[in-house]
């Protein structure tokens, strides 16, 4: 019995060894390298030994000095100079690193003096305002080729250090002329100019042609007093300062029957507006900026304004000085790029029918395409 049991155990033992020999070798367990286990950066917080980024003193960005030289209308003319200055203040708000300065010209002899003062002050860009500063700016830009200039309302000078600007203001006044022809009750509208030169007569040309276009389309006969675009003759006061002259022009035109007047004379037009208030009669079309905002106490007499957005040009130019893309060129503001436009008065705008506003809006693509002409042929 014992012998048999021993024999059986031996057989089982031999069989087990045979099976083990035939089985495949066991796969060794993978060896994990220490670097295979990622270490979370936050697992062991490290106290910063350097100054935190928020405490590193920032490099101060040097300020761009933008310096405006006004014409004799002054910085607060509620027109030309004020609109250009808005471009400087807009740039200050937009870019931050801009310092704005201005010098007012009391007489034309001050133009050269003020330009030279800003050259001595090392302004980054000097902004002369208006056609009357063209000669003084030409001389300054020629004598100081490293000084940057951006002149308002002069778009024929070609200097690498001078950026010029022109405005298709005739497009805006054409729209206002059409509006005036539609809104007049007397059948007569008027206009006059401070000093007649191409940049100002374009206002009156567009206005007169807008009235003419309305007459053609509607079969009316609205008259324009104060300017004849064919003969190039009209009412001119000879300055951009005297509100007394504006009163005289307003009285003359109103006595002749005009109930809507567009003065192209900067502050002079305030005299005409005063006459309307005294008589409690008539409507005024402002120029350059929104006169109903500039004269809120007289907004009930302001039908609309022909906008000449010089501020757009000024702000854009200062941006080019900042980013290093400034170059001598001529920029033309028009209805398409927002350089000019029509703005309805804050109060009287509500009296203009939606139908008439739609008619005026429909004129814009025809003006831009050239289908409608807003200037007389062969004059400019």
Protein backbone atom coordinates (compact mmCIF):
# COMPACT_ATOMS: atom_id res chain seq x y z
CA UNK A 1 0.00 0.00 0.00
CA UNK A 2 2.76 2.36 0.92
CA UNK A 3 4.79 1.42 -2.11
CA UNK A 4 1.81 2.14 -4.41
CA UNK A 5 1.26 5.57 -2.85
CA UNK A 6 4.90 6.51 -3.26
CA UNK A 7 4.82 5.44 -6.88
CA UNK A 8 1.66 7.56 -7.53
CA UNK A 9 3.21 10.69 -5.97
CA UNK A 10 6.29 10.26 -8.08
CA UNK A 11 4.26 10.02 -11.27
CA UNK A 12 2.32 13.25 -10.44
CA UNK A 13 5.54 15.08 -9.65
CA UNK A 14 7.14 14.07 -12.98
CA UNK A 15 4.00 15.12 -14.91
CA UNK A 16 3.98 18.53 -13.26
CA UNK A 17 7.56 19.14 -14.19
CA UNK A 18 6.85 18.21 -17.78
CA UNK A 19 3.92 20.61 -18.01
CA UNK A 20 5.98 23.46 -16.56
CA UNK A 21 8.67 22.87 -19.13
CA UNK A 22 6.15 23.07 -21.98
CA UNK A 23 4.36 26.32 -20.74
CA UNK A 24 5.37 29.70 -22.29
CA UNK A 25 7.69 31.89 -20.30
CA UNK A 26 5.89 34.42 -18.09
CA UNK A 27 5.94 38.07 -19.30
CA UNK A 28 8.15 40.09 -17.02
CA UNK A 29 6.44 43.00 -15.20
CA UNK A 30 7.22 46.38 -16.82
CA UNK A 31 9.83 48.45 -15.16
CA UNK A 32 8.52 51.96 -14.51
CA UNK A 33 11.18 54.60 -14.85
CA UNK A 34 10.95 57.36 -12.25
CA UNK A 35 10.37 60.00 -14.90
CA UNK A 36 7.35 58.15 -16.29
CA UNK A 37 5.21 59.46 -13.45
CA UNK A 38 4.45 63.15 -14.16
CA UNK A 39 4.95 65.53 -11.34
CA UNK A 40 2.24 68.15 -11.07
CA UNK A 41 3.77 71.63 -11.00
CA UNK A 42 1.47 72.60 -8.16
CA UNK A 43 2.24 69.55 -6.06
CA UNK A 44 5.09 71.35 -4.36
CA UNK A 45 4.45 75.09 -4.41
CA UNK A 46 7.55 77.12 -4.95
CA UNK A 47 7.63 80.55 -3.40
CA UNK A 48 8.63 83.13 -6.04
CA UNK A 49 11.96 84.68 -5.43
CA UNK A 50 11.57 87.27 -8.17
CA UNK A 51 9.35 90.37 -8.19
CA UNK A 52 5.85 89.37 -9.39
CA UNK A 53 5.03 90.54 -12.94
CA UNK A 54 2.45 92.99 -11.66
CA UNK A 55 5.10 94.68 -9.60
CA UNK A 56 7.62 95.05 -12.39
CA UNK A 57 7.74 98.73 -13.31
CA UNK A 58 6.24 99.12 -16.79
CA UNK A 59 8.24 100.97 -19.41
CA UNK A 60 6.51 104.28 -19.88
CA UNK A 61 5.29 104.79 -23.45
CA UNK A 62 6.47 108.19 -24.69
CA UNK A 63 3.65 110.57 -25.47
CA UNK A 64 2.96 111.82 -28.96
CA UNK A 65 2.57 115.59 -28.99
CA UNK A 66 -0.13 116.70 -31.45
CA UNK A 67 -0.17 120.47 -31.96
CA UNK A 68 -2.95 122.38 -33.73
CA UNK A 69 -2.65 125.86 -35.23
CA UNK A 70 -6.06 127.45 -35.70
CA UNK A 71 -7.10 129.96 -38.29
CA UNK A 72 -8.50 133.28 -37.10
CA UNK A 73 -11.82 131.72 -36.10
CA UNK A 74 -10.32 130.42 -32.85
CA UNK A 75 -10.50 127.03 -31.16
CA UNK A 76 -14.09 127.54 -29.96
CA UNK A 77 -15.57 128.58 -33.30
CA UNK A 78 -18.21 125.81 -33.05
CA UNK A 79 -17.14 124.92 -36.56
CA UNK A 80 -13.88 124.32 -38.39
CA UNK A 81 -11.27 124.63 -35.65
CA UNK A 82 -13.46 123.03 -33.00
CA UNK A 83 -14.11 119.98 -35.19
CA UNK A 84 -10.40 119.53 -35.90
CA UNK A 85 -9.63 119.86 -32.19
CA UNK A 86 -12.20 117.14 -31.48
CA UNK A 87 -9.97 114.89 -33.58
CA UNK A 88 -7.10 115.58 -31.17
CA UNK A 89 -9.20 114.93 -28.06
CA UNK A 90 -10.61 111.77 -29.64
CA UNK A 91 -7.03 110.58 -30.23
CA UNK A 92 -6.16 111.27 -26.59
CA UNK A 93 -9.13 109.12 -25.50
CA UNK A 94 -8.40 106.39 -28.05
CA UNK A 95 -4.64 106.00 -27.76
CA UNK A 96 -3.84 107.36 -24.30
CA UNK A 97 -0.26 108.34 -25.04
CA UNK A 98 -1.19 111.60 -26.76
CA UNK A 99 -0.72 115.15 -25.55
CA UNK A 100 -2.74 117.82 -27.33
CA UNK A 101 -1.84 121.50 -27.63
CA UNK A 102 -3.09 124.39 -29.73
CA UNK A 103 -2.19 127.95 -30.61
CA UNK A 104 -4.87 130.38 -31.77
CA UNK A 105 -4.14 132.72 -34.64
CA UNK A 106 -5.59 136.18 -34.09
CA UNK A 107 -4.52 137.38 -37.54
CA UNK A 108 -2.97 135.85 -40.63
CA UNK A 109 0.48 137.08 -39.61
CA UNK A 110 0.26 134.64 -36.68
CA UNK A 111 0.25 131.55 -38.90
CA UNK A 112 4.00 131.48 -39.50
CA UNK A 113 4.73 132.51 -35.91
CA UNK A 114 2.59 129.74 -34.44
CA UNK A 115 3.94 127.07 -36.80
CA UNK A 116 7.50 128.01 -35.89
CA UNK A 117 6.65 127.97 -32.17
CA UNK A 118 5.48 124.37 -32.45
CA UNK A 119 8.58 123.42 -34.45
CA UNK A 120 10.71 124.76 -31.60
CA UNK A 121 8.57 122.79 -29.15
CA UNK A 122 9.36 119.58 -31.08
CA UNK A 123 5.79 118.55 -31.70
CA UNK A 124 5.46 115.11 -33.28
CA UNK A 125 2.79 116.34 -35.69
CA UNK A 126 1.61 119.88 -36.40
CA UNK A 127 -1.97 120.33 -37.59
CA UNK A 128 -2.64 123.63 -39.43
CA UNK A 129 -6.37 124.24 -39.89
CA UNK A 130 -7.60 125.57 -43.18
CA UNK A 131 -6.80 126.76 -46.66
CA UNK A 132 -5.51 130.11 -45.42
CA UNK A 133 -2.56 128.38 -43.74
CA UNK A 134 -1.44 126.67 -46.96
CA UNK A 135 1.38 129.08 -47.83
CA UNK A 136 2.82 129.22 -44.33
CA UNK A 137 2.61 125.43 -44.07
CA UNK A 138 4.32 124.98 -47.43
CA UNK A 139 7.22 127.14 -46.30
CA UNK A 140 7.49 125.37 -42.94
CA UNK A 141 7.32 121.87 -44.41
CA UNK A 142 9.98 122.71 -46.97
CA UNK A 143 12.33 124.19 -44.40
CA UNK A 144 11.78 121.39 -41.88
CA UNK A 145 11.71 118.08 -43.76
CA UNK A 146 11.84 116.00 -40.56
CA UNK A 147 8.78 117.66 -39.05
CA UNK A 148 5.42 115.96 -39.73
CA UNK A 149 2.40 118.06 -40.75
CA UNK A 150 -1.26 117.27 -41.36
CA UNK A 151 -3.17 120.18 -42.88
CA UNK A 152 -6.94 120.52 -42.93
CA UNK A 153 -8.72 121.27 -46.19
CA UNK A 154 -5.65 121.37 -48.44
CA UNK A 155 -5.21 118.40 -50.73
CA UNK A 156 -2.88 119.62 -53.46
CA UNK A 157 0.49 119.89 -51.70
CA UNK A 158 2.94 117.05 -52.27
CA UNK A 159 5.58 116.69 -49.56
CA UNK A 160 6.82 113.49 -47.91
CA UNK A 161 6.36 115.08 -44.48
CA UNK A 162 2.89 116.53 -45.13
CA UNK A 163 -0.44 114.71 -45.07
CA UNK A 164 -3.14 116.70 -46.78
CA UNK A 165 -6.90 116.43 -46.57
CA UNK A 166 -9.77 117.29 -48.82
CA UNK A 167 -13.49 116.80 -48.41
CA UNK A 168 -16.16 116.10 -50.98
CA UNK A 169 -18.37 118.49 -49.02
CA UNK A 170 -20.40 119.12 -52.15
CA UNK A 171 -21.80 115.61 -51.68
CA UNK A 172 -23.11 116.56 -48.23
CA UNK A 173 -24.42 119.99 -49.24
CA UNK A 174 -26.15 118.46 -52.27
CA UNK A 175 -28.20 116.35 -49.85
CA UNK A 176 -28.90 119.44 -47.74
CA UNK A 177 -29.91 121.42 -50.83
CA UNK A 178 -32.39 118.72 -51.78
CA UNK A 179 -33.73 118.80 -48.21
CA UNK A 180 -34.00 122.61 -48.23
CA UNK A 181 -35.89 122.59 -51.53
CA UNK A 182 -38.35 120.09 -50.10
CA UNK A 183 -38.85 121.96 -46.79
CA UNK A 184 -39.06 125.63 -47.89
CA UNK A 185 -42.41 127.33 -47.52
CA UNK A 186 -41.50 130.48 -49.45
CA UNK A 187 -39.88 128.78 -52.45
CA UNK A 188 -36.61 130.61 -51.75
CA UNK A 189 -33.49 129.41 -49.95
CA UNK A 190 -30.21 131.26 -49.43
CA UNK A 191 -26.49 130.86 -48.83
CA UNK A 192 -23.40 133.04 -48.44
CA UNK A 193 -19.67 132.55 -47.87
CA UNK A 194 -17.06 134.00 -45.55
CA UNK A 195 -14.22 134.05 -48.08
CA UNK A 196 -14.63 132.45 -51.48
CA UNK A 197 -12.02 129.87 -52.52
CA UNK A 198 -12.38 126.31 -53.86
CA UNK A 199 -12.84 124.64 -50.47
CA UNK A 200 -15.73 126.99 -49.58
CA UNK A 201 -17.44 127.45 -52.94
CA UNK A 202 -17.84 123.67 -53.13
CA UNK A 203 -20.31 123.99 -50.26
CA UNK A 204 -22.49 126.36 -52.24
CA UNK A 205 -22.12 124.50 -55.54
CA UNK A 206 -23.38 121.29 -54.00
CA UNK A 207 -26.22 123.11 -52.25
CA UNK A 208 -27.38 124.85 -55.44
CA UNK A 209 -27.17 121.67 -57.49
CA UNK A 210 -29.14 119.77 -54.83
CA UNK A 211 -31.92 122.35 -55.12
CA UNK A 212 -31.76 122.17 -58.90
CA UNK A 213 -31.99 118.37 -58.85
CA UNK A 214 -35.07 118.56 -56.61
CA UNK A 215 -36.69 121.03 -59.03
CA UNK A 216 -35.97 118.71 -61.94
CA UNK A 217 -37.43 115.67 -60.20
CA UNK A 218 -40.44 117.38 -58.65
CA UNK A 219 -41.27 120.01 -61.27
CA UNK A 220 -40.81 122.85 -58.77
CA UNK A 221 -39.00 126.17 -59.06
CA UNK A 222 -37.24 126.74 -55.74
CA UNK A 223 -34.78 129.65 -56.05
CA UNK A 224 -31.29 129.85 -54.57
CA UNK A 225 -30.32 133.32 -53.35
CA UNK A 226 -26.71 134.25 -52.66
CA UNK A 227 -24.91 131.97 -55.11
CA UNK A 228 -24.98 131.23 -58.84
CA UNK A 229 -22.81 128.23 -59.66
CA UNK A 230 -22.81 129.09 -63.37
CA UNK A 231 -21.50 132.65 -63.07
CA UNK A 232 -19.45 131.88 -59.89
CA UNK A 233 -20.90 134.94 -58.20
CA UNK A 234 -22.60 135.31 -54.84
CA UNK A 235 -22.64 136.86 -51.38
CA UNK A 236 -19.26 137.06 -49.62
CA UNK A 237 -18.59 138.77 -46.28
CA UNK A 238 -14.78 138.69 -46.50
CA UNK A 239 -14.04 137.08 -43.13
CA UNK A 240 -14.75 134.17 -40.80
CA UNK A 241 -15.17 136.11 -37.56
CA UNK A 242 -17.78 138.85 -37.67
CA UNK A 243 -21.20 137.82 -36.36
CA UNK A 244 -22.37 141.33 -37.25
CA UNK A 245 -21.74 140.50 -40.89
CA UNK A 246 -23.70 137.29 -40.36
CA UNK A 247 -26.61 139.32 -39.05
CA UNK A 248 -26.54 141.58 -42.10
CA UNK A 249 -26.45 138.64 -44.50
CA UNK A 250 -29.24 136.89 -42.65
CA UNK A 251 -31.42 139.98 -42.67
CA UNK A 252 -30.77 140.59 -46.35
CA UNK A 253 -31.60 137.04 -47.43
CA UNK A 254 -34.66 136.80 -45.20
CA UNK A 255 -35.94 140.17 -46.42
CA UNK A 256 -35.62 138.80 -49.97
CA UNK A 257 -37.82 135.87 -49.02
CA UNK A 258 -35.42 133.08 -48.03
CA UNK A 259 -36.74 130.97 -45.17
CA UNK A 260 -33.82 128.49 -45.14
CA UNK A 261 -30.20 129.74 -45.13
CA UNK A 262 -26.87 127.91 -45.23
CA UNK A 263 -23.99 130.19 -44.08
CA UNK A 264 -20.56 128.94 -45.17
CA UNK A 265 -18.59 131.21 -42.86
CA UNK A 266 -17.82 129.53 -39.56
CA UNK A 267 -18.74 131.71 -36.55
CA UNK A 268 -20.19 134.38 -38.86
CA UNK A 269 -23.25 132.15 -39.27
CA UNK A 270 -24.09 132.62 -35.60
CA UNK A 271 -25.20 136.15 -36.51
CA UNK A 272 -27.75 134.76 -38.96
CA UNK A 273 -28.98 132.30 -36.36
CA UNK A 274 -29.48 135.17 -33.91
CA UNK A 275 -31.68 136.99 -36.44
CA UNK A 276 -33.84 133.88 -36.87
CA UNK A 277 -34.30 133.69 -33.12
CA UNK A 278 -35.22 137.38 -32.89
CA UNK A 279 -37.76 137.10 -35.71
CA UNK A 280 -38.83 133.63 -34.64
CA UNK A 281 -38.71 132.69 -38.28
CA UNK A 282 -36.59 130.65 -40.66
CA UNK A 283 -34.38 127.57 -40.55
CA UNK A 284 -30.61 127.33 -40.74
CA UNK A 285 -28.41 124.65 -42.28
CA UNK A 286 -25.13 124.45 -40.39
CA UNK A 287 -21.78 123.44 -41.83
CA UNK A 288 -18.74 121.51 -40.63
CA UNK A 289 -20.39 120.10 -37.47
CA UNK A 290 -23.83 119.58 -35.94
CA UNK A 291 -25.05 123.10 -35.22
CA UNK A 292 -28.04 121.89 -33.23
CA UNK A 293 -25.64 120.37 -30.70
CA UNK A 294 -23.27 123.33 -30.79
CA UNK A 295 -26.20 125.73 -30.26
CA UNK A 296 -28.72 123.77 -28.18
CA UNK A 297 -30.58 126.91 -27.08
CA UNK A 298 -31.37 127.67 -30.73
CA UNK A 299 -31.90 124.11 -31.95
CA UNK A 300 -35.52 124.90 -32.92
CA UNK A 301 -34.15 126.94 -35.88
CA UNK A 302 -31.59 124.40 -37.15
CA UNK A 303 -32.92 122.11 -39.84
CA UNK A 304 -29.75 120.12 -40.52
CA UNK A 305 -25.98 120.35 -40.92
CA UNK A 306 -23.55 119.50 -43.70
CA UNK A 307 -20.95 117.55 -41.78
CA UNK A 308 -17.28 117.93 -42.63
CA UNK A 309 -15.72 115.36 -40.35
CA UNK A 310 -12.21 116.75 -40.03
CA UNK A 311 -11.94 114.99 -36.68
CA UNK A 312 -11.84 111.63 -38.49
CA UNK A 313 -8.78 112.74 -40.49
CA UNK A 314 -6.99 114.18 -37.45
CA UNK A 315 -7.51 111.13 -35.23
CA UNK A 316 -6.44 108.78 -38.01
CA UNK A 317 -3.31 110.85 -38.71
CA UNK A 318 -2.24 110.85 -35.06
CA UNK A 319 -2.67 107.07 -35.04
CA UNK A 320 -0.35 106.84 -38.05
CA UNK A 321 2.28 108.89 -36.22
CA UNK A 322 2.02 106.52 -33.26
CA UNK A 323 2.33 103.30 -35.26
CA UNK A 324 4.96 104.64 -37.66
CA UNK A 325 2.88 104.51 -40.84
CA UNK A 326 2.65 108.28 -41.40
CA UNK A 327 3.44 109.32 -44.97
CA UNK A 328 2.92 112.24 -47.29
CA UNK A 329 -0.41 111.72 -49.05
CA UNK A 330 -3.79 113.31 -49.60
CA UNK A 331 -6.89 111.91 -47.88
CA UNK A 332 -10.34 112.68 -49.30
CA UNK A 333 -13.36 112.44 -47.03
CA UNK A 334 -16.62 111.55 -48.76
CA UNK A 335 -20.03 109.97 -48.13
CA UNK A 336 -18.55 106.50 -48.43
CA UNK A 337 -15.79 106.77 -45.80
CA UNK A 338 -17.73 109.01 -43.42
CA UNK A 339 -15.67 112.10 -44.14
CA UNK A 340 -18.82 114.07 -44.98
CA UNK A 341 -22.54 113.63 -44.40
CA UNK A 342 -25.92 115.11 -43.51
CA UNK A 343 -27.14 115.30 -39.92
CA UNK A 344 -30.70 116.33 -39.09
CA UNK A 345 -31.26 118.92 -36.36
CA UNK A 346 -31.95 117.57 -32.89
CA UNK A 347 -35.41 119.16 -32.87
CA UNK A 348 -36.38 120.01 -36.45
CA UNK A 349 -35.15 116.65 -37.68
CA UNK A 350 -38.36 115.16 -36.30
CA UNK A 351 -40.40 117.36 -38.67
CA UNK A 352 -38.77 115.80 -41.74
CA UNK A 353 -40.98 113.01 -43.03
CA UNK A 354 -39.72 109.44 -43.21
CA UNK A 355 -40.54 109.52 -46.93
CA UNK A 356 -38.31 112.53 -47.56
CA UNK A 357 -35.50 111.04 -45.47
CA UNK A 358 -35.73 107.86 -47.57
CA UNK A 359 -35.54 109.92 -50.78
CA UNK A 360 -32.40 111.63 -49.53
CA UNK A 361 -30.82 108.33 -48.46
CA UNK A 362 -31.52 106.92 -51.93
CA UNK A 363 -29.46 109.73 -53.49
CA UNK A 364 -26.23 108.56 -51.80
CA UNK A 365 -25.44 105.51 -53.99
CA UNK A 366 -26.22 107.55 -57.10
CA UNK A 367 -23.80 110.26 -55.96
CA UNK A 368 -21.07 107.73 -55.19
CA UNK A 369 -21.50 106.00 -58.54
CA UNK A 370 -21.26 109.32 -60.42
CA UNK A 371 -24.80 109.10 -61.73
CA UNK A 372 -25.56 112.35 -59.91
CA UNK A 373 -23.06 115.20 -60.27
CA UNK A 374 -22.59 117.36 -57.19
CA UNK A 375 -20.16 119.85 -58.74
CA UNK A 376 -20.45 121.90 -61.94
CA UNK A 377 -18.51 120.49 -64.85
CA UNK A 378 -15.08 121.94 -65.58
CA UNK A 379 -14.81 124.22 -62.54
CA UNK A 380 -12.51 122.26 -60.20
